N, C-alpha and C. Protein backbone atom coordinates (compact mmCIF):
# COMPACT_ATOMS: atom_id res chain seq x y z
N MET A 1 -69.99 -48.66 -4.75
CA MET A 1 -68.52 -48.63 -4.74
C MET A 1 -68.00 -47.68 -3.69
N GLU A 2 -68.76 -46.57 -3.50
CA GLU A 2 -68.36 -45.57 -2.52
C GLU A 2 -68.35 -46.18 -1.08
N ASP A 3 -69.40 -46.97 -0.80
CA ASP A 3 -69.50 -47.59 0.52
C ASP A 3 -68.29 -48.53 0.75
N TYR A 4 -67.97 -49.26 -0.29
CA TYR A 4 -66.82 -50.16 -0.16
C TYR A 4 -65.53 -49.38 0.07
N ARG A 5 -65.32 -48.32 -0.67
CA ARG A 5 -64.11 -47.47 -0.49
C ARG A 5 -64.05 -46.91 0.94
N LYS A 6 -65.18 -46.45 1.46
CA LYS A 6 -65.22 -45.92 2.81
C LYS A 6 -64.88 -47.03 3.80
N ARG A 7 -65.37 -48.20 3.57
CA ARG A 7 -65.13 -49.33 4.49
C ARG A 7 -63.66 -49.72 4.56
N ILE A 8 -62.98 -49.77 3.40
CA ILE A 8 -61.63 -50.20 3.41
C ILE A 8 -60.64 -49.08 3.70
N GLY A 9 -61.06 -47.84 3.54
CA GLY A 9 -60.21 -46.73 3.88
C GLY A 9 -59.16 -46.44 2.83
N THR A 10 -58.16 -45.65 3.21
CA THR A 10 -57.12 -45.28 2.31
C THR A 10 -56.10 -46.42 2.17
N GLU A 11 -55.25 -46.28 1.21
CA GLU A 11 -54.20 -47.27 1.05
C GLU A 11 -53.30 -47.36 2.28
N GLN A 12 -52.93 -46.22 2.84
CA GLN A 12 -52.08 -46.20 4.01
C GLN A 12 -52.79 -46.82 5.23
N GLN A 13 -54.07 -46.55 5.37
CA GLN A 13 -54.81 -47.18 6.46
C GLN A 13 -54.84 -48.72 6.31
N ALA A 14 -54.99 -49.20 5.09
CA ALA A 14 -54.97 -50.62 4.86
C ALA A 14 -53.60 -51.22 5.16
N ILE A 15 -52.57 -50.51 4.80
CA ILE A 15 -51.18 -50.96 5.07
C ILE A 15 -50.98 -51.04 6.61
N ASP A 16 -51.35 -49.98 7.30
CA ASP A 16 -51.20 -49.99 8.75
C ASP A 16 -52.06 -51.11 9.40
N ARG A 17 -53.25 -51.32 8.92
CA ARG A 17 -54.12 -52.37 9.42
C ARG A 17 -53.48 -53.75 9.18
N SER A 18 -52.85 -53.90 8.02
CA SER A 18 -52.23 -55.17 7.74
C SER A 18 -51.04 -55.42 8.64
N PHE A 19 -50.30 -54.39 9.05
CA PHE A 19 -49.19 -54.56 9.97
C PHE A 19 -49.67 -55.01 11.34
N THR A 20 -50.82 -54.51 11.78
CA THR A 20 -51.30 -54.89 13.10
C THR A 20 -52.05 -56.20 13.13
N ASN A 21 -52.66 -56.57 11.99
CA ASN A 21 -53.49 -57.78 11.95
C ASN A 21 -52.78 -59.06 11.53
N ARG A 22 -51.58 -58.94 10.97
CA ARG A 22 -50.90 -60.12 10.46
C ARG A 22 -50.07 -60.77 11.58
N PRO A 23 -50.36 -62.01 11.92
CA PRO A 23 -49.57 -62.70 12.97
C PRO A 23 -48.12 -62.90 12.63
N ASP A 24 -47.77 -63.01 11.34
CA ASP A 24 -46.34 -63.20 11.04
C ASP A 24 -45.52 -61.97 11.28
N VAL A 25 -46.15 -60.75 11.10
CA VAL A 25 -45.44 -59.52 11.41
C VAL A 25 -45.30 -59.39 12.94
N HIS A 26 -46.37 -59.71 13.66
CA HIS A 26 -46.31 -59.65 15.13
C HIS A 26 -45.24 -60.63 15.66
N ALA A 27 -45.22 -61.80 15.09
CA ALA A 27 -44.23 -62.82 15.55
C ALA A 27 -42.80 -62.29 15.25
N ALA A 28 -42.58 -61.73 14.09
CA ALA A 28 -41.27 -61.20 13.71
C ALA A 28 -40.86 -60.07 14.65
N GLU A 29 -41.79 -59.21 14.99
CA GLU A 29 -41.49 -58.12 15.95
C GLU A 29 -41.16 -58.67 17.32
N MET A 30 -41.82 -59.73 17.75
CA MET A 30 -41.53 -60.35 19.05
C MET A 30 -40.14 -60.98 18.99
N ARG A 31 -39.76 -61.61 17.87
CA ARG A 31 -38.44 -62.17 17.76
C ARG A 31 -37.36 -61.05 17.86
N THR A 32 -37.68 -59.88 17.33
CA THR A 32 -36.79 -58.70 17.45
C THR A 32 -36.60 -58.33 18.91
N ILE A 33 -37.70 -58.30 19.66
CA ILE A 33 -37.61 -57.93 21.06
C ILE A 33 -36.76 -58.98 21.82
N VAL A 34 -36.96 -60.24 21.48
CA VAL A 34 -36.16 -61.27 22.14
C VAL A 34 -34.68 -61.09 21.78
N ALA A 35 -34.37 -60.73 20.52
CA ALA A 35 -32.98 -60.58 20.13
C ALA A 35 -32.38 -59.34 20.86
N GLU A 36 -33.17 -58.31 21.07
CA GLU A 36 -32.69 -57.18 21.85
C GLU A 36 -32.29 -57.62 23.26
N ALA A 37 -33.15 -58.44 23.87
CA ALA A 37 -32.87 -58.99 25.17
C ALA A 37 -31.59 -59.84 25.12
N GLY A 38 -31.41 -60.53 24.03
CA GLY A 38 -30.19 -61.35 23.88
C GLY A 38 -28.89 -60.52 23.89
N VAL A 39 -28.95 -59.33 23.28
CA VAL A 39 -27.81 -58.43 23.32
C VAL A 39 -27.54 -57.99 24.76
N THR A 40 -28.61 -57.66 25.48
CA THR A 40 -28.45 -57.24 26.86
C THR A 40 -27.88 -58.40 27.67
N GLY A 41 -28.38 -59.56 27.46
CA GLY A 41 -27.90 -60.77 28.19
C GLY A 41 -26.44 -61.03 27.86
N ALA A 42 -26.04 -60.87 26.63
CA ALA A 42 -24.65 -61.12 26.25
C ALA A 42 -23.74 -60.08 26.95
N ARG A 43 -24.21 -58.84 27.06
CA ARG A 43 -23.36 -57.83 27.73
C ARG A 43 -23.16 -58.11 29.21
N SER A 44 -24.09 -58.87 29.77
CA SER A 44 -23.97 -59.17 31.20
C SER A 44 -22.70 -59.99 31.51
N GLY A 45 -22.10 -60.57 30.48
CA GLY A 45 -20.84 -61.31 30.70
C GLY A 45 -19.68 -60.42 31.14
N TYR A 46 -19.84 -59.09 31.02
CA TYR A 46 -18.79 -58.18 31.50
C TYR A 46 -18.89 -57.90 32.98
N PHE A 47 -20.03 -58.22 33.60
CA PHE A 47 -20.25 -57.81 34.96
C PHE A 47 -20.09 -59.00 35.93
N PRO A 48 -19.71 -58.67 37.17
CA PRO A 48 -19.63 -59.74 38.20
C PRO A 48 -21.00 -60.30 38.53
N THR A 49 -21.02 -61.51 38.95
CA THR A 49 -22.30 -62.15 39.39
C THR A 49 -22.17 -62.59 40.83
N LEU A 50 -23.23 -62.36 41.58
CA LEU A 50 -23.27 -62.80 42.97
C LEU A 50 -24.38 -63.79 43.09
N THR A 51 -24.06 -64.97 43.62
CA THR A 51 -25.05 -66.04 43.81
C THR A 51 -25.14 -66.37 45.26
N ALA A 52 -26.34 -66.53 45.76
CA ALA A 52 -26.59 -66.90 47.14
C ALA A 52 -27.33 -68.22 47.15
N ASN A 53 -27.03 -69.07 48.07
CA ASN A 53 -27.71 -70.30 48.28
C ASN A 53 -27.77 -70.65 49.72
N GLY A 54 -28.67 -71.54 50.05
CA GLY A 54 -28.81 -71.94 51.49
C GLY A 54 -29.64 -73.20 51.54
N GLY A 55 -29.61 -73.79 52.73
CA GLY A 55 -30.40 -75.00 52.92
C GLY A 55 -30.48 -75.41 54.40
N TYR A 56 -31.37 -76.32 54.62
CA TYR A 56 -31.56 -76.85 55.99
C TYR A 56 -31.87 -78.34 55.83
N SER A 57 -31.25 -79.12 56.69
CA SER A 57 -31.57 -80.55 56.66
C SER A 57 -31.72 -81.05 58.10
N TRP A 58 -32.52 -82.08 58.23
CA TRP A 58 -32.76 -82.68 59.55
C TRP A 58 -32.90 -84.15 59.37
N ARG A 59 -32.34 -84.92 60.33
CA ARG A 59 -32.44 -86.36 60.24
C ARG A 59 -32.56 -86.92 61.66
N ASN A 60 -33.20 -88.03 61.74
CA ASN A 60 -33.42 -88.69 63.04
C ASN A 60 -33.23 -90.19 62.83
N PHE A 61 -32.21 -90.77 63.46
CA PHE A 61 -31.95 -92.17 63.29
C PHE A 61 -32.75 -93.01 64.27
N GLU A 62 -33.04 -92.48 65.37
CA GLU A 62 -33.78 -93.19 66.41
C GLU A 62 -34.99 -92.40 66.77
N LEU A 63 -35.80 -92.93 67.58
CA LEU A 63 -36.98 -92.23 68.00
C LEU A 63 -36.73 -91.39 69.23
N SER A 64 -35.54 -91.43 69.76
CA SER A 64 -35.21 -90.61 70.94
C SER A 64 -34.81 -89.21 70.53
N ASP A 65 -34.89 -88.31 71.49
CA ASP A 65 -34.55 -86.90 71.19
C ASP A 65 -33.07 -86.65 71.07
N PHE A 66 -32.21 -87.61 71.52
CA PHE A 66 -30.78 -87.38 71.52
C PHE A 66 -30.07 -87.62 70.18
N ASP A 67 -30.73 -88.37 69.32
CA ASP A 67 -30.07 -88.70 68.07
C ASP A 67 -30.51 -87.82 66.89
N ARG A 68 -31.21 -86.77 67.21
CA ARG A 68 -31.62 -85.85 66.15
C ARG A 68 -30.44 -84.98 65.70
N GLN A 69 -30.31 -84.80 64.39
CA GLN A 69 -29.26 -83.96 63.88
C GLN A 69 -29.89 -82.99 62.83
N SER A 70 -29.52 -81.75 62.96
CA SER A 70 -29.97 -80.80 61.93
C SER A 70 -28.77 -79.97 61.48
N GLN A 71 -28.88 -79.52 60.26
CA GLN A 71 -27.82 -78.76 59.67
C GLN A 71 -28.43 -77.58 58.89
N MET A 72 -27.74 -76.49 58.93
CA MET A 72 -28.15 -75.35 58.13
C MET A 72 -26.90 -74.80 57.50
N PHE A 73 -27.08 -74.34 56.29
CA PHE A 73 -25.89 -73.72 55.60
C PHE A 73 -26.38 -72.54 54.77
N VAL A 74 -25.54 -71.60 54.63
CA VAL A 74 -25.74 -70.43 53.82
C VAL A 74 -24.45 -70.16 53.07
N GLY A 75 -24.57 -69.83 51.78
CA GLY A 75 -23.33 -69.55 51.03
C GLY A 75 -23.53 -68.42 50.04
N LEU A 76 -22.45 -67.75 49.75
CA LEU A 76 -22.41 -66.70 48.76
C LEU A 76 -21.25 -67.04 47.80
N ARG A 77 -21.48 -66.70 46.54
CA ARG A 77 -20.43 -66.93 45.56
C ARG A 77 -20.35 -65.69 44.68
N LEU A 78 -19.16 -65.18 44.53
CA LEU A 78 -18.95 -64.02 43.68
C LEU A 78 -18.03 -64.41 42.55
N ASP A 79 -18.52 -64.23 41.30
CA ASP A 79 -17.72 -64.52 40.10
C ASP A 79 -17.41 -63.18 39.47
N VAL A 80 -16.09 -62.91 39.35
CA VAL A 80 -15.66 -61.70 38.69
C VAL A 80 -14.96 -62.07 37.39
N PRO A 81 -15.49 -61.63 36.24
CA PRO A 81 -14.90 -62.03 34.95
C PRO A 81 -13.59 -61.19 34.75
N LEU A 82 -12.52 -61.84 34.63
CA LEU A 82 -11.23 -61.16 34.33
C LEU A 82 -10.88 -61.36 32.87
N PHE A 83 -10.83 -62.62 32.41
CA PHE A 83 -10.53 -62.86 31.02
C PHE A 83 -11.25 -64.12 30.64
N ASP A 84 -12.08 -64.07 29.63
CA ASP A 84 -12.90 -65.24 29.21
C ASP A 84 -12.55 -65.65 27.79
N GLN A 85 -11.39 -65.36 27.34
CA GLN A 85 -10.90 -65.71 26.03
C GLN A 85 -11.81 -65.13 24.95
N PHE A 86 -12.26 -63.86 25.19
CA PHE A 86 -13.09 -63.11 24.27
C PHE A 86 -14.45 -63.74 23.94
N ARG A 87 -14.86 -64.66 24.81
CA ARG A 87 -16.21 -65.27 24.62
C ARG A 87 -17.34 -64.23 24.75
N THR A 88 -17.21 -63.34 25.69
CA THR A 88 -18.21 -62.28 25.88
C THR A 88 -18.32 -61.42 24.65
N ASN A 89 -17.15 -60.99 24.10
CA ASN A 89 -17.19 -60.18 22.88
C ASN A 89 -17.85 -60.96 21.72
N ALA A 90 -17.51 -62.20 21.60
CA ALA A 90 -18.10 -63.01 20.51
C ALA A 90 -19.62 -63.19 20.71
N SER A 91 -20.02 -63.36 21.95
CA SER A 91 -21.47 -63.50 22.28
C SER A 91 -22.23 -62.26 21.96
N ILE A 92 -21.62 -61.10 22.31
CA ILE A 92 -22.29 -59.81 22.02
C ILE A 92 -22.39 -59.62 20.51
N GLU A 93 -21.33 -59.90 19.78
CA GLU A 93 -21.33 -59.73 18.31
C GLU A 93 -22.39 -60.65 17.68
N GLN A 94 -22.45 -61.87 18.17
CA GLN A 94 -23.43 -62.81 17.63
C GLN A 94 -24.85 -62.33 17.94
N ALA A 95 -25.08 -61.80 19.12
CA ALA A 95 -26.41 -61.30 19.53
C ALA A 95 -26.74 -60.09 18.66
N ARG A 96 -25.79 -59.22 18.38
CA ARG A 96 -26.07 -58.07 17.52
C ARG A 96 -26.41 -58.48 16.10
N LEU A 97 -25.71 -59.49 15.60
CA LEU A 97 -26.02 -59.98 14.24
C LEU A 97 -27.42 -60.58 14.20
N THR A 98 -27.76 -61.32 15.26
CA THR A 98 -29.09 -61.89 15.31
C THR A 98 -30.15 -60.78 15.36
N LEU A 99 -29.90 -59.76 16.15
CA LEU A 99 -30.83 -58.65 16.23
C LEU A 99 -30.98 -57.96 14.86
N GLU A 100 -29.86 -57.72 14.20
CA GLU A 100 -29.93 -57.09 12.85
C GLU A 100 -30.71 -57.96 11.86
N THR A 101 -30.49 -59.28 11.94
CA THR A 101 -31.23 -60.20 11.08
C THR A 101 -32.73 -60.12 11.35
N ARG A 102 -33.07 -60.06 12.59
CA ARG A 102 -34.52 -59.96 12.98
C ARG A 102 -35.13 -58.66 12.49
N ARG A 103 -34.37 -57.53 12.59
CA ARG A 103 -34.90 -56.25 12.10
C ARG A 103 -35.10 -56.30 10.59
N ILE A 104 -34.15 -56.87 9.90
CA ILE A 104 -34.27 -57.02 8.45
C ILE A 104 -35.48 -57.88 8.11
N GLU A 105 -35.71 -58.93 8.84
CA GLU A 105 -36.84 -59.81 8.61
C GLU A 105 -38.16 -59.04 8.77
N VAL A 106 -38.29 -58.21 9.85
CA VAL A 106 -39.49 -57.40 10.02
C VAL A 106 -39.70 -56.46 8.85
N GLU A 107 -38.60 -55.79 8.43
CA GLU A 107 -38.73 -54.81 7.36
C GLU A 107 -39.08 -55.48 6.04
N ARG A 108 -38.52 -56.69 5.81
CA ARG A 108 -38.88 -57.44 4.59
C ARG A 108 -40.33 -57.80 4.58
N LEU A 109 -40.85 -58.28 5.69
CA LEU A 109 -42.26 -58.62 5.80
C LEU A 109 -43.15 -57.40 5.53
N LYS A 110 -42.76 -56.26 6.16
CA LYS A 110 -43.56 -55.08 5.94
C LYS A 110 -43.48 -54.60 4.50
N GLN A 111 -42.32 -54.71 3.87
CA GLN A 111 -42.25 -54.33 2.43
C GLN A 111 -43.14 -55.24 1.57
N GLN A 112 -43.17 -56.51 1.88
CA GLN A 112 -44.05 -57.44 1.13
C GLN A 112 -45.51 -57.07 1.30
N LEU A 113 -45.87 -56.68 2.57
CA LEU A 113 -47.23 -56.31 2.81
C LEU A 113 -47.61 -55.00 2.10
N ARG A 114 -46.68 -54.05 2.12
CA ARG A 114 -46.93 -52.78 1.39
C ARG A 114 -47.17 -53.09 -0.09
N ALA A 115 -46.31 -53.94 -0.64
CA ALA A 115 -46.45 -54.26 -2.09
C ALA A 115 -47.78 -54.99 -2.35
N SER A 116 -48.17 -55.89 -1.49
CA SER A 116 -49.41 -56.63 -1.65
C SER A 116 -50.62 -55.67 -1.61
N VAL A 117 -50.61 -54.77 -0.62
CA VAL A 117 -51.72 -53.84 -0.46
C VAL A 117 -51.78 -52.91 -1.64
N ARG A 118 -50.61 -52.41 -2.08
CA ARG A 118 -50.61 -51.52 -3.24
C ARG A 118 -51.12 -52.23 -4.51
N THR A 119 -50.68 -53.46 -4.66
CA THR A 119 -51.18 -54.23 -5.82
C THR A 119 -52.70 -54.37 -5.70
N ALA A 120 -53.20 -54.71 -4.55
CA ALA A 120 -54.68 -54.86 -4.38
C ALA A 120 -55.37 -53.55 -4.70
N TYR A 121 -54.84 -52.42 -4.24
CA TYR A 121 -55.44 -51.16 -4.52
C TYR A 121 -55.38 -50.79 -6.01
N LEU A 122 -54.30 -51.15 -6.70
CA LEU A 122 -54.24 -50.92 -8.15
C LEU A 122 -55.28 -51.80 -8.85
N GLN A 123 -55.40 -53.05 -8.41
CA GLN A 123 -56.38 -53.94 -9.05
C GLN A 123 -57.81 -53.40 -8.79
N LEU A 124 -58.06 -52.86 -7.60
CA LEU A 124 -59.34 -52.26 -7.29
C LEU A 124 -59.62 -51.08 -8.19
N ALA A 125 -58.61 -50.22 -8.37
CA ALA A 125 -58.77 -49.06 -9.23
C ALA A 125 -59.05 -49.51 -10.67
N ASN A 126 -58.32 -50.52 -11.14
CA ASN A 126 -58.58 -51.03 -12.50
C ASN A 126 -60.00 -51.58 -12.61
N ALA A 127 -60.45 -52.34 -11.60
CA ALA A 127 -61.80 -52.85 -11.63
C ALA A 127 -62.88 -51.75 -11.63
N GLU A 128 -62.58 -50.67 -10.85
CA GLU A 128 -63.49 -49.52 -10.85
C GLU A 128 -63.54 -48.90 -12.22
N ARG A 129 -62.38 -48.70 -12.83
CA ARG A 129 -62.34 -48.15 -14.20
C ARG A 129 -63.08 -49.05 -15.20
N GLY A 130 -62.91 -50.34 -15.06
CA GLY A 130 -63.62 -51.26 -15.90
C GLY A 130 -65.12 -51.18 -15.73
N LEU A 131 -65.57 -50.98 -14.47
CA LEU A 131 -67.00 -50.79 -14.25
C LEU A 131 -67.51 -49.49 -14.87
N GLU A 132 -66.69 -48.47 -14.72
CA GLU A 132 -67.07 -47.17 -15.35
C GLU A 132 -67.20 -47.32 -16.86
N ILE A 133 -66.23 -47.96 -17.46
CA ILE A 133 -66.23 -48.16 -18.92
C ILE A 133 -67.41 -49.03 -19.33
N THR A 134 -67.69 -50.06 -18.55
CA THR A 134 -68.85 -50.91 -18.84
C THR A 134 -70.14 -50.16 -18.73
N ASP A 135 -70.23 -49.31 -17.69
CA ASP A 135 -71.41 -48.50 -17.49
C ASP A 135 -71.61 -47.54 -18.66
N ILE A 136 -70.54 -46.87 -19.12
CA ILE A 136 -70.61 -45.98 -20.27
C ILE A 136 -71.04 -46.74 -21.53
N ALA A 137 -70.46 -47.93 -21.74
CA ALA A 137 -70.81 -48.76 -22.88
C ALA A 137 -72.27 -49.18 -22.79
N LEU A 138 -72.76 -49.48 -21.59
CA LEU A 138 -74.15 -49.88 -21.44
C LEU A 138 -75.10 -48.73 -21.78
N ARG A 139 -74.72 -47.53 -21.28
CA ARG A 139 -75.58 -46.35 -21.60
C ARG A 139 -75.53 -46.07 -23.12
N ALA A 140 -74.39 -46.21 -23.75
CA ALA A 140 -74.28 -46.00 -25.20
C ALA A 140 -75.14 -47.02 -25.95
N ALA A 141 -75.06 -48.28 -25.48
CA ALA A 141 -75.86 -49.33 -26.12
C ALA A 141 -77.36 -49.05 -25.91
N GLN A 142 -77.73 -48.58 -24.71
CA GLN A 142 -79.12 -48.27 -24.48
C GLN A 142 -79.58 -47.13 -25.39
N LEU A 143 -78.75 -46.10 -25.54
CA LEU A 143 -79.11 -44.99 -26.47
C LEU A 143 -79.21 -45.48 -27.88
N ASN A 144 -78.31 -46.32 -28.31
CA ASN A 144 -78.36 -46.90 -29.65
C ASN A 144 -79.63 -47.71 -29.84
N TYR A 145 -79.98 -48.49 -28.83
CA TYR A 145 -81.19 -49.30 -28.87
C TYR A 145 -82.41 -48.41 -29.01
N ASP A 146 -82.45 -47.38 -28.12
CA ASP A 146 -83.60 -46.46 -28.15
C ASP A 146 -83.73 -45.77 -29.52
N ALA A 147 -82.59 -45.33 -30.07
CA ALA A 147 -82.61 -44.72 -31.40
C ALA A 147 -83.08 -45.69 -32.49
N THR A 148 -82.63 -46.91 -32.41
CA THR A 148 -83.07 -47.95 -33.35
C THR A 148 -84.52 -48.18 -33.22
N GLN A 149 -85.04 -48.27 -32.00
CA GLN A 149 -86.45 -48.48 -31.76
C GLN A 149 -87.28 -47.33 -32.37
N GLU A 150 -86.78 -46.09 -32.17
CA GLU A 150 -87.53 -44.94 -32.74
C GLU A 150 -87.55 -45.01 -34.26
N ARG A 151 -86.38 -45.34 -34.86
CA ARG A 151 -86.34 -45.43 -36.33
C ARG A 151 -87.27 -46.59 -36.80
N PHE A 152 -87.26 -47.65 -36.07
CA PHE A 152 -88.12 -48.76 -36.47
C PHE A 152 -89.63 -48.33 -36.35
N ALA A 153 -89.92 -47.61 -35.26
CA ALA A 153 -91.30 -47.16 -35.03
C ALA A 153 -91.72 -46.18 -36.12
N VAL A 154 -90.84 -45.29 -36.54
CA VAL A 154 -91.14 -44.31 -37.61
C VAL A 154 -91.27 -45.07 -38.93
N GLY A 155 -90.39 -46.00 -39.18
CA GLY A 155 -90.40 -46.73 -40.45
C GLY A 155 -91.54 -47.71 -40.52
N ALA A 156 -92.01 -48.25 -39.46
CA ALA A 156 -93.04 -49.20 -39.42
C ALA A 156 -94.41 -48.58 -39.54
N SER A 157 -94.59 -47.31 -39.18
CA SER A 157 -95.86 -46.73 -39.23
C SER A 157 -96.25 -46.17 -40.54
């Protein structure tokens, strides 16, 4: 039993191990990170955006050098948010609510794991106590048997 106890460690070590080994906890933590990025992305609605684009085209209608045409273009676009009918505020609030939901989900999963590990440790302790009681009962039965054997041997001779 001692070897088994050493192998599984303390209750807190088992809880910590369950947090790192369970894929559902890892997935929930990743969803929290994504939700944090969503809040940052929603806040970007307050800032101007600059977009650049460009292109080049070439065409040749004939095989002669005179009919070749090429075009090149470059463009910049600047969008400055002045009023978006409070869509940015609503997006930020929605992203914050999603983030809070994800954090609650992670904590709920961790609470469930803590409870499961604690229950398992209590069951292990109960099983150990049961083994100790059984061992004591076995020794008592052995002593009783030995005493009965001695009485029988004395009475039989």
